[in-house]
Amino acid sequence: MTTADTDLLTLRAALDGLPDAFPPIRSANVTDWEGQDEAACAFLDTWLPQARAVVLHLLGGKRAHPSAVERIVSFCRQHDIPLLAWPGEQEPDPELLAAINIPFTLAQQAMRYVVNGGVKNFQNLFRMISDTWLGTTFGYEEPEEMPWTGIYRRGSLEALDMAAWSETVDPGRPVVGILFYRAHWMSRNLSFVDDLVEAVERQGYAALPIFTPGLKVAPFSPDEPSFFHYLLDERGKSRIDALIVTLSFAASGQADEAAWLKQLDVPIFQAIVSLQSRERWEQSDAGIPPLDAAMNVAMPEMDGRIITVPFSFKETVKEEPALGCSLRRYETVPDRVDFLARLVGRWIRLRRKPRAERKIAFLLTNYPHKNSRIGNAVGLDTPNSLVRILHAMAEQGYDLGDVRQLPRDGDALIQQLIARCSNDRDMLSEVQLAQAEGHLAPEIYQRRWNAIPAEAREKMVNSWGGTAGGRLGVPGTTGHSRHPLRQCVRRFATAPGVRRQPGGHLSQSGFGAHPSLRWLLPVAAGCVSGRCGGPRGQARDAGVVAGERDRPFQGLFSGSGAGRPAQFLPVYH
């Protein structure tokens, strides 16, 4: 029994190499029993009385399913059934150690098979268990050490070193690093990695897919480098132009572990590998579930990663009679993979573009839509923050025109914005409308509106009203009757061409209490392709940056609270 689907995939592959007369194995992922005690009881009622040995590999130890673990431990002790139990991490778990009823040296030997992982080690693990406690004589080999990190080559399970990888790619192409869990490499759960590599290569880039147990820079073995070694060239400089991370959690919990983020100095993307199925995602109005939002959005944002979209989902590929359980793999959604690759490409091109040629858009929250509320935030002086950033950009080579014409402070900035045009219809004049920075002819607006998928258009019209005279009414559903955030997003969403003018490498930046493009985070990050009328659904592949507390941050990040200091680390400017 395990908490990892990759264990079950590895075990299924290992069955093909076991003798025909090998004792039957019955398996379960105990996470399937969460909130389903009847399923747990049914499994244990059927198979526990028949068991001649029991193996537990549980991330979180006993907490994975306390009642099931307690029943298994009690039964094995009462009936003298060998019980082998290990945590999902390499750190010892006192409760599982206390549950083991076999000699400690044998338990440690068996654990080495699991820690090293892979099909061959799983085969020898079960051969050892059978020969040691079931009286068979199949024979088994000692645990085989497997690489902790390495470069994956599509279609091969042999890890490459840097020299071998270099021979497979065009040295003139920009390089996109891809990090994924070692467990997927060991269990051959690699189709989602293959699809991502292919999408990156279709954009004209070289993919550098690297498997690793986690994001710790320190090597997991003294004889092997960490994943970071593969991302640097001989001079200690980044060999990649961008990095896609499919691993969960944050790397910046410790200061020394966060240093590599700044050393790379490239855009780093969080590609969401969802724990739910695609069907559940498509049927959900909430986008990604809370667990995905925590592990794959909120925590990675602490590293300053650019949050992208769910591109892969955990799907049941078959019910496996040989193990008595379901097998699940990660499978991708083609247009989400393409979106991710295009987004990475836009950031690479933006990064290589001279600063003076980059186009940066700043979106200030305006909630409610009064002039006095432009850029409002509790405890945050948004206007002065933006003025400082504008002057800093000018000093670093961005083309902001005559620097002497930049606003001297936040008050001057707001006065300029109000004088030009604003959302305050009580104060808005026809002259201001005429001098607005951008205009969109009704026929162009309608054409771009028609280009949005029908399902998304229908939802937006149902929520905000229909188009009339080149403008879409936006009756709000939260807060004020005309939620300005929805107005802003809606107007940009229905004119996607604004973001993709020829040669326009545009980065969007939001400032204020709730920067528009990261509002309703799980929905924004996890919206369904073709159905989402919100910011992420229509933002296409323009870069998005969000900022609070005088510091720019990448990605769509969850609300830290307008009055709280932001805790995010800027990685690439």
Protein backbone atom coordinates (compact mmCIF):
# COMPACT_ATOMS: atom_id res chain seq x y z
CA MET A 1 0.00 0.00 0.00
CA THR A 2 1.32 3.38 -1.02
CA THR A 3 0.48 7.04 -1.38
CA ALA A 4 2.21 7.33 -4.77
CA ASP A 5 0.70 6.38 -8.12
CA THR A 6 4.26 6.17 -9.43
CA ASP A 7 4.86 3.22 -7.07
CA LEU A 8 1.95 1.38 -8.63
CA LEU A 9 3.13 2.16 -12.16
CA THR A 10 6.61 0.91 -11.31
CA LEU A 11 5.20 -2.22 -9.69
CA ARG A 12 3.05 -2.99 -12.71
CA ALA A 13 6.07 -2.73 -14.99
CA ALA A 14 8.02 -4.95 -12.57
CA LEU A 15 5.40 -7.73 -12.72
CA ASP A 16 6.39 -8.55 -16.28
CA GLY A 17 9.85 -9.59 -15.08
CA LEU A 18 8.73 -11.79 -12.17
CA PRO A 19 8.48 -15.62 -12.51
CA ASP A 20 5.17 -17.11 -13.60
CA ALA A 21 4.77 -18.86 -10.27
CA PHE A 22 5.34 -15.69 -8.26
CA PRO A 23 2.79 -15.13 -5.47
CA PRO A 24 0.00 -12.69 -6.39
CA ILE A 25 0.32 -9.06 -5.30
CA ARG A 26 -2.58 -6.82 -4.34
CA SER A 27 -2.05 -3.08 -4.12
CA ALA A 28 -3.85 0.14 -3.25
CA ASN A 29 -3.21 3.85 -3.13
CA VAL A 30 -4.45 4.83 0.31
CA THR A 31 -5.12 8.41 -0.80
CA ASP A 32 -8.10 6.97 -2.67
CA TRP A 33 -9.59 6.11 0.70
CA GLU A 34 -9.74 9.68 1.96
CA GLY A 35 -13.30 10.19 3.13
CA GLN A 36 -14.18 6.68 1.92
CA ASP A 37 -13.75 4.41 4.92
CA GLU A 38 -16.02 1.84 3.31
CA ALA A 39 -13.57 1.41 0.44
CA ALA A 40 -10.69 0.98 2.87
CA CYS A 41 -12.62 -1.59 4.90
CA ALA A 42 -13.66 -3.48 1.78
CA PHE A 43 -10.06 -3.77 0.56
CA LEU A 44 -8.68 -4.80 3.95
CA ASP A 45 -11.56 -7.20 4.63
CA THR A 46 -10.83 -8.98 1.36
CA TRP A 47 -7.04 -9.06 1.17
CA LEU A 48 -5.58 -8.61 4.65
CA PRO A 49 -6.63 -12.11 5.89
CA GLN A 50 -4.93 -13.60 2.80
CA ALA A 51 -1.71 -11.62 3.13
CA ARG A 52 1.55 -13.43 3.89
CA ALA A 53 3.53 -10.18 3.88
CA VAL A 54 2.54 -6.49 3.93
CA VAL A 55 4.46 -3.51 2.54
CA LEU A 56 3.62 0.12 3.38
CA HIS A 57 5.25 3.07 1.57
CA LEU A 58 3.44 6.14 2.87
CA LEU A 59 4.21 9.81 2.38
CA GLY A 60 3.26 11.36 5.70
CA GLY A 61 3.55 8.03 7.48
CA LYS A 62 0.61 6.90 9.56
CA ARG A 63 -1.20 10.18 8.86
CA ALA A 64 -1.82 9.00 5.30
CA HIS A 65 -4.72 6.90 6.65
CA PRO A 66 -4.53 6.40 10.46
CA SER A 67 -7.34 3.89 10.85
CA ALA A 68 -6.12 1.65 8.03
CA VAL A 69 -2.53 1.73 9.28
CA GLU A 70 -3.60 0.90 12.83
CA ARG A 71 -5.69 -2.04 11.62
CA ILE A 72 -2.82 -3.38 9.46
CA VAL A 73 -0.25 -3.07 12.27
CA SER A 74 -2.56 -4.79 14.77
CA PHE A 75 -3.41 -7.63 12.38
CA CYS A 76 0.22 -8.28 11.42
CA ARG A 77 1.29 -8.43 15.06
CA GLN A 78 -1.54 -10.74 16.05
CA HIS A 79 -0.95 -13.14 13.14
CA ASP A 80 2.83 -12.81 12.88
CA ILE A 81 2.65 -11.43 9.34
CA PRO A 82 5.87 -9.70 8.22
CA LEU A 83 5.24 -5.94 7.99
CA LEU A 84 7.66 -3.67 6.13
CA ALA A 85 6.92 0.05 6.42
CA TRP A 86 8.75 3.15 5.18
CA PRO A 87 7.87 6.82 4.81
CA GLY A 88 7.70 8.52 1.43
CA GLU A 89 10.66 10.70 2.40
CA GLN A 90 14.22 9.62 3.18
CA GLU A 91 13.90 10.85 6.75
CA PRO A 92 12.94 8.10 9.24
CA ASP A 93 9.40 8.02 10.57
CA PRO A 94 9.23 6.94 14.26
CA GLU A 95 5.68 5.58 14.01
CA LEU A 96 6.45 3.43 10.97
CA LEU A 97 9.72 2.24 12.50
CA ALA A 98 7.79 1.14 15.58
CA ALA A 99 5.29 -0.72 13.38
CA ILE A 100 7.89 -2.94 11.70
CA ASN A 101 7.93 -6.49 13.09
CA ILE A 102 10.94 -7.85 11.18
CA PRO A 103 14.68 -7.57 11.93
CA PHE A 104 15.86 -4.00 11.44
CA THR A 105 18.72 -4.99 9.13
CA LEU A 106 16.33 -6.73 6.75
CA ALA A 107 13.98 -3.76 6.80
CA GLN A 108 16.87 -1.44 5.92
CA GLN A 109 17.98 -3.68 3.08
CA ALA A 110 14.46 -3.78 1.67
CA MET A 111 14.14 -0.02 2.02
CA ARG A 112 17.22 0.48 -0.19
CA TYR A 113 15.30 -1.09 -3.08
CA VAL A 114 12.49 1.42 -2.62
CA VAL A 115 14.76 4.44 -2.11
CA ASN A 116 16.75 3.69 -5.28
CA GLY A 117 13.53 2.90 -7.14
CA GLY A 118 13.01 1.72 -10.66
CA VAL A 119 11.54 -1.41 -12.21
CA LYS A 120 14.53 -3.69 -11.58
CA ASN A 121 14.82 -2.72 -7.92
CA PHE A 122 11.09 -3.33 -7.42
CA GLN A 123 11.46 -6.78 -8.96
CA ASN A 124 14.29 -7.66 -6.61
CA LEU A 125 12.43 -6.17 -3.62
CA PHE A 126 9.53 -8.57 -4.07
CA ARG A 127 11.84 -11.48 -4.88
CA MET A 128 13.63 -10.80 -1.59
CA ILE A 129 10.36 -10.62 0.36
CA SER A 130 9.13 -13.84 -1.21
CA ASP A 131 12.35 -15.76 -0.61
CA THR A 132 12.84 -14.41 2.93
CA TRP A 133 9.33 -14.84 4.34
CA LEU A 134 7.30 -16.95 1.92
CA GLY A 135 9.82 -19.79 1.55
CA THR A 136 10.47 -19.45 -2.22
CA THR A 137 13.83 -19.74 -3.93
CA PHE A 138 13.50 -17.34 -6.85
CA GLY A 139 16.74 -15.56 -6.00
CA TYR A 140 17.37 -11.82 -5.95
CA GLU A 141 20.13 -9.26 -6.48
CA GLU A 142 21.36 -6.51 -4.21
CA PRO A 143 19.77 -3.06 -4.63
CA GLU A 144 21.05 -1.25 -7.71
CA GLU A 145 21.96 2.40 -7.32
CA MET A 146 20.12 4.63 -9.75
CA PRO A 147 20.87 8.26 -10.71
CA TRP A 148 19.29 10.88 -8.48
CA THR A 149 19.40 13.51 -11.17
CA GLY A 150 20.07 13.37 -14.87
CA ILE A 151 19.04 14.49 -18.32
CA TYR A 152 16.13 12.64 -19.87
CA ARG A 153 16.14 11.77 -23.54
CA ARG A 154 12.72 11.24 -25.04
CA GLY A 155 12.12 7.55 -25.76
CA SER A 156 15.01 6.34 -23.61
CA LEU A 157 15.31 5.43 -19.93
CA GLU A 158 19.07 5.90 -19.89
CA ALA A 159 20.09 9.18 -18.31
CA LEU A 160 22.33 11.46 -20.35
CA ASP A 161 25.23 13.54 -19.11
CA MET A 162 25.75 17.07 -20.38
CA ALA A 163 28.24 16.05 -23.08
CA ALA A 164 25.85 13.46 -24.52
CA TRP A 165 22.92 15.90 -24.45
CA SER A 166 24.95 18.61 -26.19
CA GLU A 167 25.43 16.29 -29.15
CA THR A 168 21.67 16.00 -29.63
CA VAL A 169 20.80 19.71 -29.94
CA ASP A 170 21.56 22.64 -32.20
CA PRO A 171 24.01 24.85 -30.24
CA GLY A 172 22.53 27.99 -31.80
CA ARG A 173 19.05 27.49 -30.37
CA PRO A 174 17.84 29.06 -27.11
CA VAL A 175 17.61 26.43 -24.38
CA VAL A 176 14.57 25.79 -22.18
CA GLY A 177 15.23 23.78 -19.05
CA ILE A 178 12.46 21.47 -17.80
CA LEU A 179 12.48 20.06 -14.26
CA PHE A 180 10.33 17.06 -13.34
CA TYR A 181 10.24 14.54 -10.54
CA ARG A 182 12.63 11.61 -10.59
CA ALA A 183 9.73 9.35 -9.63
CA HIS A 184 8.17 9.91 -13.05
CA TRP A 185 11.38 8.86 -14.76
CA MET A 186 11.67 5.77 -12.56
CA SER A 187 8.05 4.73 -13.14
CA ARG A 188 8.06 5.57 -16.88
CA ASN A 189 5.28 8.09 -16.34
CA LEU A 190 6.77 10.35 -18.99
CA SER A 191 4.18 11.13 -21.64
CA PHE A 192 3.49 14.57 -20.14
CA VAL A 193 7.22 15.34 -20.22
CA ASP A 194 7.47 14.11 -23.82
CA ASP A 195 4.58 16.35 -24.86
CA LEU A 196 6.13 19.37 -23.18
CA VAL A 197 9.50 18.71 -24.81
CA GLU A 198 7.84 18.42 -28.23
CA ALA A 199 5.91 21.67 -27.72
CA VAL A 200 9.08 23.53 -26.75
CA GLU A 201 10.92 22.15 -29.76
CA ARG A 202 8.07 23.18 -32.07
CA GLN A 203 8.69 26.75 -30.95
CA GLY A 204 12.25 26.45 -32.20
CA TYR A 205 13.99 25.94 -28.85
CA ALA A 206 16.18 23.16 -27.46
CA ALA A 207 14.65 21.35 -24.49
CA LEU A 208 16.81 20.31 -21.54
CA PRO A 209 14.59 17.95 -19.49
CA ILE A 210 16.10 17.10 -16.10
CA PHE A 211 14.73 14.70 -13.50
CA THR A 212 15.38 15.40 -9.82
CA PRO A 213 13.91 14.29 -6.46
CA GLY A 214 13.30 17.91 -5.47
CA LEU A 215 14.51 21.49 -5.67
CA LYS A 216 17.33 21.27 -3.15
CA VAL A 217 20.57 22.51 -4.66
CA ALA A 218 22.70 20.26 -2.45
CA PRO A 219 23.36 16.93 -4.24
CA PHE A 220 21.24 14.01 -3.06
CA SER A 221 24.35 11.84 -3.39
CA PRO A 222 27.98 12.90 -2.85
CA ASP A 223 28.89 11.15 -6.10
CA GLU A 224 26.36 13.01 -8.25
CA PRO A 225 25.66 16.65 -9.10
CA SER A 226 22.35 18.31 -8.31
CA PHE A 227 19.94 19.46 -11.00
CA PHE A 228 21.50 22.95 -10.77
CA HIS A 229 24.75 21.62 -12.20
CA TYR A 230 23.05 20.95 -15.51
CA LEU A 231 21.66 24.48 -15.73
CA LEU A 232 25.06 26.19 -15.61
CA ASP A 233 27.83 26.27 -18.17
CA GLU A 234 31.56 25.89 -17.53
CA ARG A 235 31.82 29.54 -16.45
CA GLY A 236 29.10 29.17 -13.85
CA LYS A 237 26.64 31.14 -15.99
CA SER A 238 23.17 30.01 -16.95
CA ARG A 239 23.13 27.81 -20.04
CA ILE A 240 19.36 28.15 -20.34
CA ASP A 241 17.14 31.01 -21.49
CA ALA A 242 14.12 29.93 -19.44
CA LEU A 243 13.20 27.24 -16.93
CA ILE A 244 9.93 25.31 -16.68
CA VAL A 245 9.35 23.71 -13.28
CA THR A 246 6.72 20.98 -12.91
CA LEU A 247 7.66 20.24 -9.28
CA SER A 248 5.43 21.39 -6.45
CA PHE A 249 6.24 23.57 -3.44
CA ALA A 250 8.81 26.35 -3.05
CA ALA A 251 12.59 26.28 -3.09
CA SER A 252 13.02 29.47 -1.09
CA GLY A 253 12.12 28.18 2.36
CA GLN A 254 15.79 28.53 3.33
CA ALA A 255 17.97 31.43 2.20
CA ASP A 256 20.76 29.19 0.91
CA GLU A 257 18.27 27.17 -1.11
CA ALA A 258 16.92 30.28 -2.85
CA ALA A 259 20.26 31.58 -4.10
CA TRP A 260 20.11 29.57 -7.33
CA LEU A 261 16.94 31.37 -8.37
CA LYS A 262 18.76 34.68 -8.57
CA GLN A 263 21.93 33.15 -9.97
CA LEU A 264 20.09 31.78 -13.00
CA ASP A 265 18.61 35.21 -13.80
CA VAL A 266 16.12 33.78 -16.30
CA PRO A 267 12.31 33.64 -16.29
CA ILE A 268 11.17 30.60 -14.30
CA PHE A 269 7.73 29.15 -15.02
CA GLN A 270 5.51 27.00 -12.86
CA ALA A 271 3.77 24.49 -15.14
CA ILE A 272 0.84 23.09 -13.20
CA VAL A 273 0.64 19.30 -13.11
CA SER A 274 -2.78 18.86 -11.57
CA LEU A 275 -3.69 16.13 -9.12
CA GLN A 276 -7.23 15.96 -10.50
CA SER A 277 -8.57 14.55 -13.74
CA ARG A 278 -9.22 16.65 -16.82
CA GLU A 279 -12.95 15.88 -16.57
CA ARG A 280 -13.15 17.30 -13.04
CA TRP A 281 -11.22 20.36 -14.16
CA GLU A 282 -13.53 20.96 -17.10
CA GLN A 283 -16.62 20.62 -14.92
CA SER A 284 -15.32 22.85 -12.14
CA ASP A 285 -16.24 26.52 -11.87
CA ALA A 286 -13.37 26.99 -9.41
CA GLY A 287 -10.54 26.11 -11.79
CA ILE A 288 -7.92 24.15 -9.91
CA PRO A 289 -8.74 22.67 -6.47
CA PRO A 290 -7.31 24.06 -3.21
CA LEU A 291 -4.53 21.46 -2.96
CA ASP A 292 -3.27 22.29 -6.45
CA ALA A 293 -3.54 26.01 -5.71
CA ALA A 294 -1.46 25.62 -2.56
CA MET A 295 1.22 23.25 -3.88
CA ASN A 296 1.49 24.45 -7.46
CA VAL A 297 0.58 28.14 -7.30
CA ALA A 298 0.80 29.84 -3.90
CA MET A 299 3.98 28.15 -2.69
CA PRO A 300 5.91 28.33 -6.00
CA GLU A 301 5.10 32.03 -6.13
CA MET A 302 7.29 32.46 -3.06
CA ASP A 303 10.17 31.76 -5.46
CA GLY A 304 8.94 34.37 -7.91
CA ARG A 305 8.00 31.75 -10.49
CA ILE A 306 5.68 32.78 -13.31
CA ILE A 307 2.46 30.85 -12.78
CA THR A 308 1.13 29.42 -16.03
CA VAL A 309 -1.76 26.99 -16.55
CA PRO A 310 -2.66 23.39 -15.77
CA PHE A 311 -1.32 21.48 -18.74
CA SER A 312 -1.38 17.92 -17.42
CA PHE A 313 -3.91 15.92 -15.41
CA LYS A 314 -3.90 12.63 -13.57
CA GLU A 315 -5.97 10.15 -15.55
CA THR A 316 -6.99 6.58 -14.82
CA VAL A 317 -5.54 4.66 -17.75
CA LYS A 318 -6.75 1.21 -16.74
CA GLU A 319 -8.04 -0.99 -13.97
CA GLU A 320 -5.20 -3.43 -13.37
CA PRO A 321 -6.47 -6.91 -12.44
CA ALA A 322 -2.96 -8.17 -11.77
CA LEU A 323 -2.69 -5.71 -8.88
CA GLY A 324 -6.34 -5.17 -8.03
CA CYS A 325 -6.10 -1.40 -8.34
CA SER A 326 -6.37 1.51 -10.75
CA LEU A 327 -3.34 2.82 -12.60
CA ARG A 328 -3.09 6.57 -13.20
CA ARG A 329 -0.74 8.55 -15.38
CA TYR A 330 -0.30 12.20 -16.24
CA GLU A 331 -1.76 13.14 -19.60
CA THR A 332 -1.69 16.54 -21.23
CA VAL A 333 -4.24 18.84 -22.85
CA PRO A 334 -2.73 19.74 -26.25
CA ASP A 335 -3.73 23.40 -26.42
CA ARG A 336 -2.60 24.01 -22.84
CA VAL A 337 0.83 22.55 -23.63
CA ASP A 338 1.04 24.79 -26.70
CA PHE A 339 -0.02 27.82 -24.67
CA LEU A 340 2.73 27.10 -22.14
CA ALA A 341 5.38 26.73 -24.83
CA ARG A 342 4.26 29.93 -26.57
CA LEU A 343 4.31 31.83 -23.29
CA VAL A 344 7.85 30.67 -22.59
CA GLY A 345 8.83 31.71 -26.10
CA ARG A 346 7.41 35.20 -25.63
CA TRP A 347 9.41 35.67 -22.43
CA ILE A 348 12.59 34.44 -24.10
CA ARG A 349 12.13 36.90 -26.94
CA LEU A 350 11.27 39.66 -24.48
CA ARG A 351 14.42 38.89 -22.48
CA ARG A 352 16.61 39.03 -25.59
CA LYS A 353 15.01 42.20 -26.88
CA PRO A 354 16.89 45.43 -26.07
CA ARG A 355 15.33 47.16 -23.10
CA ALA A 356 14.64 50.28 -25.12
CA GLU A 357 12.42 48.24 -27.46
CA ARG A 358 10.39 46.43 -24.81
CA LYS A 359 6.75 47.40 -24.31
CA ILE A 360 5.52 47.37 -20.73
CA ALA A 361 1.90 47.95 -19.71
CA PHE A 362 0.94 48.86 -16.13
CA LEU A 363 -2.60 48.14 -14.94
CA LEU A 364 -3.70 49.94 -11.79
CA THR A 365 -6.61 48.62 -9.82
CA ASN A 366 -9.58 51.03 -9.74
CA TYR A 367 -12.07 49.61 -7.27
CA PRO A 368 -14.63 51.10 -6.96
CA HIS A 369 -14.37 53.03 -10.22
CA LYS A 370 -13.82 56.50 -8.80
CA ASN A 371 -10.87 58.74 -9.50
CA SER A 372 -10.04 58.77 -5.81
CA ARG A 373 -9.62 54.99 -5.87
CA ILE A 374 -7.11 54.59 -8.71
CA GLY A 375 -4.39 52.25 -7.52
CA ASN A 376 -5.93 51.96 -4.09
CA ALA A 377 -4.52 49.55 -1.54
CA VAL A 378 -4.52 49.44 2.24
CA GLY A 379 -1.07 50.26 3.56
CA LEU A 380 0.47 50.58 0.11
CA ASP A 381 1.30 53.80 -1.72
CA THR A 382 0.74 52.43 -5.21
CA PRO A 383 1.19 55.71 -7.17
CA ASN A 384 4.55 56.54 -5.60
CA SER A 385 5.64 52.92 -6.00
CA LEU A 386 4.91 53.09 -9.71
CA VAL A 387 6.71 56.44 -10.08
CA ARG A 388 9.82 54.94 -8.50
CA ILE A 389 9.65 51.98 -10.86
CA LEU A 390 9.26 54.26 -13.90
CA HIS A 391 12.35 56.25 -12.95
CA ALA A 392 14.30 53.05 -12.21
CA MET A 393 13.33 51.67 -15.62
CA ALA A 394 14.51 54.86 -17.31
CA GLU A 395 17.87 54.55 -15.52
CA GLN A 396 18.20 50.95 -16.73
CA GLY A 397 17.68 51.74 -20.38
CA TYR A 398 13.94 51.47 -20.97
CA ASP A 399 12.53 54.03 -23.40
CA LEU A 400 10.16 56.23 -21.40
CA GLY A 401 10.58 59.27 -23.59
CA ASP A 402 11.84 62.49 -22.04
CA VAL A 403 12.65 61.53 -18.46
CA ARG A 404 12.06 65.13 -17.42
CA GLN A 405 8.40 64.65 -18.35
CA LEU A 406 7.91 61.70 -16.00
CA PRO A 407 5.68 62.44 -12.99
CA ARG A 408 7.69 63.61 -10.01
CA ASP A 409 5.52 61.81 -7.47
CA GLY A 410 2.36 59.79 -7.05
CA ASP A 411 0.06 62.80 -6.96
CA ALA A 412 1.41 64.04 -10.29
CA LEU A 413 0.95 60.57 -11.79
CA ILE A 414 -2.68 60.33 -10.73
CA GLN A 415 -3.43 63.84 -11.97
CA GLN A 416 -2.00 62.92 -15.38
CA LEU A 417 -4.08 59.76 -15.54
CA ILE A 418 -7.30 61.56 -14.56
CA ALA A 419 -6.66 64.37 -17.02
CA ARG A 420 -6.21 61.91 -19.88
CA CYS A 421 -9.09 59.48 -19.21
CA SER A 422 -10.47 57.42 -16.35
CA ASN A 423 -13.26 55.04 -15.37
CA ASP A 424 -15.10 57.64 -13.28
CA ARG A 425 -18.12 58.32 -15.52
CA ASP A 426 -19.32 61.12 -13.27
CA MET A 427 -16.15 63.02 -14.14
CA LEU A 428 -15.49 61.71 -17.66
CA SER A 429 -15.90 64.17 -20.52
CA GLU A 430 -16.23 63.71 -24.26
CA VAL A 431 -12.90 65.49 -24.68
CA GLN A 432 -11.22 62.93 -22.42
CA LEU A 433 -12.80 60.07 -24.33
CA ALA A 434 -11.54 61.58 -27.58
CA GLN A 435 -7.97 61.84 -26.29
CA ALA A 436 -7.88 58.33 -24.80
CA GLU A 437 -4.64 56.53 -25.63
CA GLY A 438 -6.34 53.76 -27.57
CA HIS A 439 -9.49 53.48 -29.64
CA LEU A 440 -11.13 50.44 -31.17
CA ALA A 441 -13.56 50.72 -34.05
CA PRO A 442 -16.83 48.82 -33.44
CA GLU A 443 -16.27 46.51 -36.41
CA ILE A 444 -12.77 45.57 -35.17
CA TYR A 445 -14.10 45.10 -31.66
CA GLN A 446 -16.85 42.83 -32.97
CA ARG A 447 -14.40 40.79 -35.06
CA ARG A 448 -12.17 40.20 -32.09
CA TRP A 449 -15.16 39.44 -29.91
CA ASN A 450 -16.27 36.82 -32.42
CA ALA A 451 -12.83 35.22 -32.31
CA ILE A 452 -13.33 34.26 -28.66
CA PRO A 453 -14.63 30.67 -28.26
CA ALA A 454 -18.42 30.53 -28.26
CA GLU A 455 -18.73 28.93 -24.84
CA ALA A 456 -16.61 31.66 -23.25
CA ARG A 457 -18.61 34.39 -25.01
CA GLU A 458 -21.87 32.92 -23.80
CA LYS A 459 -20.71 32.85 -20.19
CA MET A 460 -19.41 36.39 -20.35
CA VAL A 461 -22.63 37.74 -21.89
CA ASN A 462 -24.70 35.89 -19.29
CA SER A 463 -22.61 37.47 -16.52
CA TRP A 464 -21.92 40.92 -17.92
CA GLY A 465 -24.47 41.60 -20.65
CA GLY A 466 -24.21 41.80 -24.42
CA THR A 467 -22.12 44.00 -26.67
CA ALA A 468 -23.61 47.26 -27.82
CA GLY A 469 -21.95 50.02 -29.78
CA GLY A 470 -18.51 48.53 -29.38
CA ARG A 471 -18.74 48.29 -25.60
CA LEU A 472 -19.65 45.45 -23.30
CA GLY A 473 -21.74 46.15 -20.23
CA VAL A 474 -20.27 44.65 -17.05
CA PRO A 475 -22.81 44.23 -14.26
CA GLY A 476 -20.70 42.96 -11.38
CA THR A 477 -21.37 39.81 -9.43
CA THR A 478 -19.29 40.74 -6.40
CA GLY A 479 -18.86 43.96 -4.48
CA HIS A 480 -19.98 47.05 -6.33
CA SER A 481 -22.60 46.82 -9.05
CA ARG A 482 -20.07 47.58 -11.76
CA HIS A 483 -16.92 45.80 -10.63
CA PRO A 484 -14.10 47.79 -12.29
CA LEU A 485 -11.82 44.79 -12.28
CA ARG A 486 -14.29 42.97 -14.46
CA GLN A 487 -14.61 46.00 -16.72
CA CYS A 488 -10.87 46.23 -17.17
CA VAL A 489 -10.37 42.52 -17.79
CA ARG A 490 -13.44 42.34 -20.02
CA ARG A 491 -12.34 45.20 -22.23
CA PHE A 492 -8.88 43.76 -22.66
CA ALA A 493 -10.19 40.22 -23.08
CA THR A 494 -12.46 41.12 -25.96
CA ALA A 495 -9.61 42.78 -27.81
CA PRO A 496 -6.85 40.16 -27.66
CA GLY A 497 -5.09 41.73 -30.64
CA VAL A 498 -4.06 44.59 -28.36
CA ARG A 499 -1.65 42.19 -26.73
CA ARG A 500 -0.19 40.77 -29.88
CA GLN A 501 0.60 43.62 -32.22
CA PRO A 502 3.43 42.81 -34.67
CA GLY A 503 6.78 43.17 -32.95
CA GLY A 504 5.14 44.05 -29.65
CA HIS A 505 6.84 42.16 -26.83
CA LEU A 506 4.41 43.18 -24.17
CA SER A 507 4.65 42.54 -20.46
CA GLN A 508 1.64 43.42 -18.35
CA SER A 509 2.08 44.56 -14.77
CA GLY A 510 -0.66 44.99 -12.17
CA PHE A 511 -0.41 47.28 -9.15
CA GLY A 512 -2.68 47.84 -6.20
CA ALA A 513 -4.66 45.89 -3.65
CA HIS A 514 -5.86 43.32 -6.16
CA PRO A 515 -3.98 43.60 -9.48
CA SER A 516 -6.57 42.77 -12.08
CA LEU A 517 -4.86 39.91 -13.85
CA ARG A 518 -4.36 37.83 -10.72
CA TRP A 519 -7.85 38.25 -9.23
CA LEU A 520 -9.62 35.02 -8.33
CA LEU A 521 -6.36 33.09 -8.50
CA PRO A 522 -7.48 29.46 -8.92
CA VAL A 523 -9.86 30.48 -11.68
CA ALA A 524 -7.29 32.72 -13.35
CA ALA A 525 -4.52 30.14 -13.23
CA GLY A 526 -6.71 27.14 -13.86
CA CYS A 527 -9.36 28.32 -16.28
CA VAL A 528 -10.56 25.85 -18.86
CA SER A 529 -9.39 26.30 -22.42
CA GLY A 530 -12.08 27.74 -24.64
CA ARG A 531 -14.46 28.25 -21.74
CA CYS A 532 -12.77 30.87 -19.62
CA GLY A 533 -13.79 34.47 -20.08
CA GLY A 534 -11.47 35.71 -17.35
CA PRO A 535 -7.98 37.15 -17.57
CA ARG A 536 -6.03 33.97 -18.13
CA GLY A 537 -8.51 32.65 -20.64
CA GLN A 538 -8.07 35.63 -22.97
CA ALA A 539 -4.63 36.97 -22.03
CA ARG A 540 -3.07 34.76 -24.68
CA ASP A 541 0.68 34.46 -24.36
CA ALA A 542 1.70 37.93 -23.23
CA GLY A 543 3.96 38.08 -20.20
CA VAL A 544 2.23 39.02 -16.95
CA VAL A 545 3.91 40.62 -13.95
CA ALA A 546 2.25 41.68 -10.72
CA GLY A 547 3.59 44.00 -8.06
CA GLU A 548 3.05 45.01 -4.47
CA ARG A 549 5.09 46.92 -1.90
CA ASP A 550 7.43 48.71 -4.31
CA ARG A 551 8.75 45.44 -5.73
CA PRO A 552 7.93 43.76 -9.04
CA PHE A 553 7.04 40.11 -9.03
CA GLN A 554 6.34 37.67 -11.80
CA GLY A 555 3.16 35.77 -12.36
CA LEU A 556 -0.36 35.70 -11.04
CA PHE A 557 -0.04 35.50 -7.28
CA SER A 558 -2.56 34.96 -4.56
CA GLY A 559 -3.65 37.81 -2.35
CA SER A 560 -1.18 38.37 0.44
CA GLY A 561 -3.49 41.02 1.86
CA ALA A 562 -3.15 44.60 0.73
CA GLY A 563 -1.71 45.70 4.05
CA ARG A 564 0.84 42.90 4.39
CA PRO A 565 4.39 43.09 3.04
CA ALA A 566 4.82 40.90 -0.01
CA GLN A 567 7.17 37.98 0.58
CA PHE A 568 8.07 37.17 -3.00
CA LEU A 569 11.53 37.05 -4.51
CA PRO A 570 12.03 38.80 -7.85
CA VAL A 571 13.95 36.49 -10.15
CA TYR A 572 14.18 38.23 -13.52
CA HIS A 573 13.67 41.84 -14.51
